[in-house]
């Protein structure tokens, strides 16, 4: 017969807690503002990133959204 003891549940509970904490973005959600591209104040660089964003494929946009935790 199987014995249920608290010591069998402590380590998995700690592991689940750690995994739940890792689910949140490490940068506090700031990456979601810029997506996969760098936020910059230089208008020339910003224009080149905007052109790249418009030219990227639909699949690349989906991967960027997933990486940035966007829906």
PDB file of N, CA and C in Angstrom:
ATOM      1  N   UNK A   1       0.833  -1.171   0.000  1.00  0.00           N
ATOM      2  CA  UNK A   1       0.000   0.000   0.000  1.00  0.00           C
ATOM      3  C   UNK A   1       0.889   1.249   0.000  1.00  0.00           C
ATOM      4  N   UNK A   2       0.416   2.287  -0.636  1.00  0.00           N
ATOM      5  CA  UNK A   2       1.159   3.533  -0.744  1.00  0.00           C
ATOM      6  C   UNK A   2       0.871   4.405   0.468  1.00  0.00           C
ATOM      7  N   UNK A   3       1.958   4.906   1.057  1.00  0.00           N
ATOM      8  CA  UNK A   3       1.807   5.824   2.181  1.00  0.00           C
ATOM      9  C   UNK A   3       1.953   7.257   1.680  1.00  0.00           C
ATOM     10  N   UNK A   4       1.035   8.122   2.065  1.00  0.00           N
ATOM     11  CA  UNK A   4       1.115   9.530   1.703  1.00  0.00           C
ATOM     12  C   UNK A   4       1.718  10.297   2.869  1.00  0.00           C
ATOM     13  N   UNK A   5       2.932  10.796   2.645  1.00  0.00           N
ATOM     14  CA  UNK A   5       3.628  11.549   3.679  1.00  0.00           C
ATOM     15  C   UNK A   5       3.921  12.948   3.141  1.00  0.00           C
ATOM     16  N   UNK A   6       3.923  13.945   4.021  1.00  0.00           N
ATOM     17  CA  UNK A   6       4.163  15.320   3.576  1.00  0.00           C
ATOM     18  C   UNK A   6       5.494  15.513   2.864  1.00  0.00           C
ATOM     19  N   UNK A   7       6.485  14.733   3.214  1.00  0.00           N
ATOM     20  CA  UNK A   7       7.795  14.928   2.600  1.00  0.00           C
ATOM     21  C   UNK A   7       7.786  14.609   1.109  1.00  0.00           C
ATOM     22  N   UNK A   8       6.814  13.825   0.642  1.00  0.00           N
ATOM     23  CA  UNK A   8       6.710  13.530  -0.782  1.00  0.00           C
ATOM     24  C   UNK A   8       6.095  14.684  -1.567  1.00  0.00           C
ATOM     25  N   UNK A   9       5.487  15.625  -0.889  1.00  0.00           N
ATOM     26  CA  UNK A   9       4.820  16.727  -1.565  1.00  0.00           C
ATOM     27  C   UNK A   9       5.566  18.051  -1.446  1.00  0.00           C
ATOM     28  N   UNK A  10       6.547  18.130  -0.572  1.00  0.00           N
ATOM     29  CA  UNK A  10       7.255  19.391  -0.345  1.00  0.00           C
ATOM     30  C   UNK A  10       8.123  19.751  -1.549  1.00  0.00           C
ATOM     31  N   UNK A  11       8.934  18.828  -2.032  1.00  0.00           N
ATOM     32  CA  UNK A  11       9.820  19.124  -3.158  1.00  0.00           C
ATOM     33  C   UNK A  11       9.034  19.454  -4.435  1.00  0.00           C
ATOM     34  N   UNK A  12       8.015  18.684  -4.805  1.00  0.00           N
ATOM     35  CA  UNK A  12       7.226  19.090  -5.983  1.00  0.00           C
ATOM     36  C   UNK A  12       6.530  20.437  -5.791  1.00  0.00           C
ATOM     37  N   UNK A  13       6.101  20.752  -4.585  1.00  0.00           N
ATOM     38  CA  UNK A  13       5.463  22.048  -4.338  1.00  0.00           C
ATOM     39  C   UNK A  13       6.467  23.182  -4.524  1.00  0.00           C
ATOM     40  N   UNK A  14       7.678  22.998  -4.065  1.00  0.00           N
ATOM     41  CA  UNK A  14       8.727  24.001  -4.257  1.00  0.00           C
ATOM     42  C   UNK A  14       9.041  24.150  -5.736  1.00  0.00           C
ATOM     43  N   UNK A  15       9.129  23.027  -6.463  1.00  0.00           N
ATOM     44  CA  UNK A  15       9.412  23.077  -7.895  1.00  0.00           C
ATOM     45  C   UNK A  15       8.307  23.817  -8.647  1.00  0.00           C
ATOM     46  N   UNK A  16       7.057  23.562  -8.308  1.00  0.00           N
ATOM     47  CA  UNK A  16       5.948  24.258  -8.957  1.00  0.00           C
ATOM     48  C   UNK A  16       5.966  25.754  -8.650  1.00  0.00           C
ATOM     49  N   UNK A  17       6.352  26.109  -7.444  1.00  0.00           N
ATOM     50  CA  UNK A  17       6.446  27.519  -7.077  1.00  0.00           C
ATOM     51  C   UNK A  17       7.527  28.220  -7.891  1.00  0.00           C
ATOM     52  N   UNK A  18       8.663  27.584  -8.040  1.00  0.00           N
ATOM     53  CA  UNK A  18       9.763  28.162  -8.821  1.00  0.00           C
ATOM     54  C   UNK A  18       9.341  28.312 -10.279  1.00  0.00           C
ATOM     55  N   UNK A  19       8.692  27.288 -10.841  1.00  0.00           N
ATOM     56  CA  UNK A  19       8.237  27.384 -12.225  1.00  0.00           C
ATOM     57  C   UNK A  19       7.203  28.485 -12.405  1.00  0.00           C
ATOM     58  N   UNK A  20       6.338  28.670 -11.438  1.00  0.00           N
ATOM     59  CA  UNK A  20       5.341  29.737 -11.531  1.00  0.00           C
ATOM     60  C   UNK A  20       6.002  31.106 -11.501  1.00  0.00           C
ATOM     61  N   UNK A  21       7.070  31.249 -10.727  1.00  0.00           N
ATOM     62  CA  UNK A  21       7.771  32.529 -10.675  1.00  0.00           C
ATOM     63  C   UNK A  21       8.526  32.795 -11.967  1.00  0.00           C
ATOM     64  N   UNK A  22       9.017  31.750 -12.632  1.00  0.00           N
ATOM     65  CA  UNK A  22       9.765  31.927 -13.867  1.00  0.00           C
ATOM     66  C   UNK A  22       8.858  32.263 -15.038  1.00  0.00           C
ATOM     67  N   UNK A  23       7.578  32.046 -14.908  1.00  0.00           N
ATOM     68  CA  UNK A  23       6.651  32.295 -16.013  1.00  0.00           C
ATOM     69  C   UNK A  23       6.543  33.783 -16.324  1.00  0.00           C
ATOM     70  N   UNK A  24       6.679  34.643 -15.361  1.00  0.00           N
ATOM     71  CA  UNK A  24       6.597  36.092 -15.583  1.00  0.00           C
ATOM     72  C   UNK A  24       7.846  36.553 -16.333  1.00  0.00           C
ATOM     73  N   UNK A  25       7.730  37.585 -17.163  1.00  0.00           N
ATOM     74  CA  UNK A  25       8.909  38.074 -17.872  1.00  0.00           C
ATOM     75  C   UNK A  25       9.956  38.609 -16.896  1.00  0.00           C
ATOM     76  N   UNK A  26      11.196  38.337 -17.191  1.00  0.00           N
ATOM     77  CA  UNK A  26      12.277  38.709 -16.283  1.00  0.00           C
ATOM     78  C   UNK A  26      12.507  40.216 -16.243  1.00  0.00           C
ATOM     79  N   UNK A  27      12.085  40.922 -17.291  1.00  0.00           N
ATOM     80  CA  UNK A  27      12.331  42.357 -17.332  1.00  0.00           C
ATOM     81  C   UNK A  27      11.131  43.175 -16.879  1.00  0.00           C
ATOM     82  N   UNK A  28      10.169  42.568 -16.255  1.00  0.00           N
ATOM     83  CA  UNK A  28       9.012  43.286 -15.751  1.00  0.00           C
ATOM     84  C   UNK A  28       8.029  43.693 -16.828  1.00  0.00           C
ATOM     85  N   UNK A  29       8.108  43.077 -17.995  1.00  0.00           N
ATOM     86  CA  UNK A  29       7.171  43.370 -19.064  1.00  0.00           C
ATOM     87  C   UNK A  29       7.590  44.494 -19.983  1.00  0.00           C
ATOM     88  N   UNK A  30       8.790  45.017 -19.821  1.00  0.00           N
ATOM     89  CA  UNK A  30       9.228  46.118 -20.684  1.00  0.00           C
ATOM     90  C   UNK A  30       9.452  45.663 -22.118  1.00  0.00           C
ATOM     91  N   UNK A  31       9.757  44.379 -22.337  1.00  0.00           N
ATOM     92  CA  UNK A  31       9.995  43.894 -23.699  1.00  0.00           C
ATOM     93  C   UNK A  31       8.721  43.927 -24.526  1.00  0.00           C
ATOM     94  N   UNK A  32       7.572  43.845 -23.886  1.00  0.00           N
ATOM     95  CA  UNK A  32       6.311  43.857 -24.612  1.00  0.00           C
ATOM     96  C   UNK A  32       6.067  45.202 -25.285  1.00  0.00           C
ATOM     97  N   UNK A  33       6.677  46.250 -24.797  1.00  0.00           N
ATOM     98  CA  UNK A  33       6.488  47.569 -25.396  1.00  0.00           C
ATOM     99  C   UNK A  33       7.147  47.651 -26.761  1.00  0.00           C
ATOM    100  N   UNK A  34       8.307  47.073 -26.899  1.00  0.00           N
ATOM    101  CA  UNK A  34       9.030  47.195 -28.153  1.00  0.00           C
ATOM    102  C   UNK A  34       8.995  45.940 -28.991  1.00  0.00           C
ATOM    103  N   UNK A  35       8.404  44.881 -28.491  1.00  0.00           N
ATOM    104  CA  UNK A  35       8.406  43.637 -29.243  1.00  0.00           C
ATOM    105  C   UNK A  35       9.814  43.088 -29.317  1.00  0.00           C
ATOM    106  N   UNK A  36      10.173  42.616 -30.486  1.00  0.00           N
ATOM    107  CA  UNK A  36      11.500  42.041 -30.671  1.00  0.00           C
ATOM    108  C   UNK A  36      12.539  43.088 -31.031  1.00  0.00           C
ATOM    109  N   UNK A  37      12.114  44.315 -31.195  1.00  0.00           N
ATOM    110  CA  UNK A  37      13.021  45.352 -31.649  1.00  0.00           C
ATOM    111  C   UNK A  37      13.396  46.283 -30.507  1.00  0.00           C
ATOM    112  N   UNK A  38      14.530  46.922 -30.664  1.00  0.00           N
ATOM    113  CA  UNK A  38      15.080  47.804 -29.644  1.00  0.00           C
ATOM    114  C   UNK A  38      14.341  49.143 -29.667  1.00  0.00           C
ATOM    115  N   UNK A  39      14.053  49.677 -28.497  1.00  0.00           N
ATOM    116  CA  UNK A  39      13.490  51.020 -28.406  1.00  0.00           C
ATOM    117  C   UNK A  39      14.651  52.006 -28.430  1.00  0.00           C
ATOM    118  N   UNK A  40      14.583  52.967 -29.331  1.00  0.00           N
ATOM    119  CA  UNK A  40      15.650  53.955 -29.437  1.00  0.00           C
ATOM    120  C   UNK A  40      15.054  55.331 -29.682  1.00  0.00           C
ATOM    121  N   UNK A  41      15.801  56.349 -29.341  1.00  0.00           N
ATOM    122  CA  UNK A  41      15.345  57.724 -29.558  1.00  0.00           C
ATOM    123  C   UNK A  41      15.883  58.313 -30.853  1.00  0.00           C
ATOM    124  N   UNK A  42      16.872  57.657 -31.447  1.00  0.00           N
ATOM    125  CA  UNK A  42      17.447  58.145 -32.696  1.00  0.00           C
ATOM    126  C   UNK A  42      16.450  57.937 -33.832  1.00  0.00           C
ATOM    127  N   UNK A  43      16.021  59.009 -34.509  1.00  0.00           N
ATOM    128  CA  UNK A  43      14.996  58.863 -35.544  1.00  0.00           C
ATOM    129  C   UNK A  43      15.438  58.009 -36.731  1.00  0.00           C
ATOM    130  N   UNK A  44      16.707  58.051 -37.092  1.00  0.00           N
ATOM    131  CA  UNK A  44      17.192  57.232 -38.211  1.00  0.00           C
ATOM    132  C   UNK A  44      17.152  55.749 -37.896  1.00  0.00           C
ATOM    133  N   UNK A  45      17.637  55.417 -36.713  1.00  0.00           N
ATOM    134  CA  UNK A  45      17.623  54.012 -36.307  1.00  0.00           C
ATOM    135  C   UNK A  45      16.194  53.537 -36.111  1.00  0.00           C
ATOM    136  N   UNK A  46      15.342  54.374 -35.522  1.00  0.00           N
ATOM    137  CA  UNK A  46      13.944  54.012 -35.322  1.00  0.00           C
ATOM    138  C   UNK A  46      13.253  53.756 -36.661  1.00  0.00           C
ATOM    139  N   UNK A  47      13.555  54.578 -37.669  1.00  0.00           N
ATOM    140  CA  UNK A  47      12.968  54.399 -39.002  1.00  0.00           C
ATOM    141  C   UNK A  47      13.419  53.076 -39.619  1.00  0.00           C
ATOM    142  N   UNK A  48      14.689  52.712 -39.424  1.00  0.00           N
ATOM    143  CA  UNK A  48      15.160  51.437 -39.981  1.00  0.00           C
ATOM    144  C   UNK A  48      14.504  50.253 -39.276  1.00  0.00           C
ATOM    145  N   UNK A  49      14.279  50.346 -37.957  1.00  0.00           N
ATOM    146  CA  UNK A  49      13.590  49.274 -37.246  1.00  0.00           C
ATOM    147  C   UNK A  49      12.124  49.184 -37.669  1.00  0.00           C
ATOM    148  N   UNK A  50      11.495  50.351 -37.919  1.00  0.00           N
ATOM    149  CA  UNK A  50      10.111  50.330 -38.382  1.00  0.00           C
ATOM    150  C   UNK A  50      10.003  49.686 -39.759  1.00  0.00           C
ATOM    151  N   UNK A  51      10.958  49.977 -40.634  1.00  0.00           N
ATOM    152  CA  UNK A  51      10.966  49.358 -41.960  1.00  0.00           C
ATOM    153  C   UNK A  51      11.168  47.851 -41.849  1.00  0.00           C
ATOM    154  N   UNK A  52      12.045  47.436 -40.972  1.00  0.00           N
ATOM    155  CA  UNK A  52      12.273  46.004 -40.765  1.00  0.00           C
ATOM    156  C   UNK A  52      11.028  45.337 -40.197  1.00  0.00           C
ATOM    157  N   UNK A  53      10.348  46.001 -39.281  1.00  0.00           N
ATOM    158  CA  UNK A  53       9.130  45.455 -38.680  1.00  0.00           C
ATOM    159  C   UNK A  53       8.042  45.269 -39.737  1.00  0.00           C
ATOM    160  N   UNK A  54       7.920  46.237 -40.651  1.00  0.00           N
ATOM    161  CA  UNK A  54       6.909  46.142 -41.709  1.00  0.00           C
ATOM    162  C   UNK A  54       7.254  45.053 -42.718  1.00  0.00           C
ATOM    163  N   UNK A  55       8.542  44.798 -42.931  1.00  0.00           N
ATOM    164  CA  UNK A  55       8.972  43.842 -43.943  1.00  0.00           C
ATOM    165  C   UNK A  55       9.055  42.403 -43.425  1.00  0.00           C
ATOM    166  N   UNK A  56       8.949  42.208 -42.137  1.00  0.00           N
ATOM    167  CA  UNK A  56       9.100  40.848 -41.615  1.00  0.00           C
ATOM    168  C   UNK A  56       7.895  39.989 -41.967  1.00  0.00           C
ATOM    169  N   UNK A  57       8.105  38.695 -42.018  1.00  0.00           N
ATOM    170  CA  UNK A  57       7.041  37.768 -42.387  1.00  0.00           C
ATOM    171  C   UNK A  57       6.030  37.625 -41.256  1.00  0.00           C
ATOM    172  N   UNK A  58       4.884  37.062 -41.594  1.00  0.00           N
ATOM    173  CA  UNK A  58       3.835  36.841 -40.601  1.00  0.00           C
ATOM    174  C   UNK A  58       4.313  35.863 -39.528  1.00  0.00           C
ATOM    175  N   UNK A  59       5.076  34.843 -39.944  1.00  0.00           N
ATOM    176  CA  UNK A  59       5.600  33.869 -38.980  1.00  0.00           C
ATOM    177  C   UNK A  59       6.586  34.531 -38.027  1.00  0.00           C
ATOM    178  N   UNK A  60       7.429  35.406 -38.555  1.00  0.00           N
ATOM    179  CA  UNK A  60       8.381  36.103 -37.688  1.00  0.00           C
ATOM    180  C   UNK A  60       7.651  36.994 -36.695  1.00  0.00           C
ATOM    181  N   UNK A  61       6.564  37.619 -37.130  1.00  0.00           N
ATOM    182  CA  UNK A  61       5.775  38.458 -36.222  1.00  0.00           C
ATOM    183  C   UNK A  61       5.147  37.613 -35.113  1.00  0.00           C
ATOM    184  N   UNK A  62       4.684  36.408 -35.451  1.00  0.00           N
ATOM    185  CA  UNK A  62       4.105  35.515 -34.434  1.00  0.00           C
ATOM    186  C   UNK A  62       5.163  35.080 -33.428  1.00  0.00           C
ATOM    187  N   UNK A  63       6.341  34.732 -33.925  1.00  0.00           N
ATOM    188  CA  UNK A  63       7.423  34.312 -33.030  1.00  0.00           C
ATOM    189  C   UNK A  63       7.826  35.471 -32.124  1.00  0.00           C
ATOM    190  N   UNK A  64       7.876  36.663 -32.673  1.00  0.00           N
ATOM    191  CA  UNK A  64       8.208  37.844 -31.879  1.00  0.00           C
ATOM    192  C   UNK A  64       7.167  38.055 -30.790  1.00  0.00           C
ATOM    193  N   UNK A  65       5.891  37.920 -31.148  1.00  0.00           N
ATOM    194  CA  UNK A  65       4.822  38.096 -30.164  1.00  0.00           C
ATOM    195  C   UNK A  65       4.903  37.043 -29.061  1.00  0.00           C
ATOM    196  N   UNK A  66       5.186  35.816 -29.426  1.00  0.00           N
ATOM    197  CA  UNK A  66       5.306  34.748 -28.433  1.00  0.00           C
ATOM    198  C   UNK A  66       6.508  35.016 -27.519  1.00  0.00           C
ATOM    199  N   UNK A  67       7.624  35.431 -28.113  1.00  0.00           N
ATOM    200  CA  UNK A  67       8.819  35.702 -27.320  1.00  0.00           C
ATOM    201  C   UNK A  67       8.607  36.896 -26.390  1.00  0.00           C
ATOM    202  N   UNK A  68       7.757  37.829 -26.789  1.00  0.00           N
ATOM    203  CA  UNK A  68       7.513  39.016 -25.991  1.00  0.00           C
ATOM    204  C   UNK A  68       6.327  38.859 -25.042  1.00  0.00           C
ATOM    205  N   UNK A  69       5.748  37.669 -24.969  1.00  0.00           N
ATOM    206  CA  UNK A  69       4.578  37.383 -24.130  1.00  0.00           C
ATOM    207  C   UNK A  69       3.373  38.220 -24.513  1.00  0.00           C
ATOM    208  N   UNK A  70       3.215  38.475 -25.787  1.00  0.00           N
ATOM    209  CA  UNK A  70       2.060  39.207 -26.276  1.00  0.00           C
ATOM    210  C   UNK A  70       1.010  38.211 -26.748  1.00  0.00           C
ATOM    211  N   UNK A  71      -0.264  38.542 -26.636  1.00  0.00           N
ATOM    212  CA  UNK A  71      -1.294  37.617 -27.154  1.00  0.00           C
ATOM    213  C   UNK A  71      -1.340  37.618 -28.653  1.00  0.00           C
TER     214      UNK A  71
END
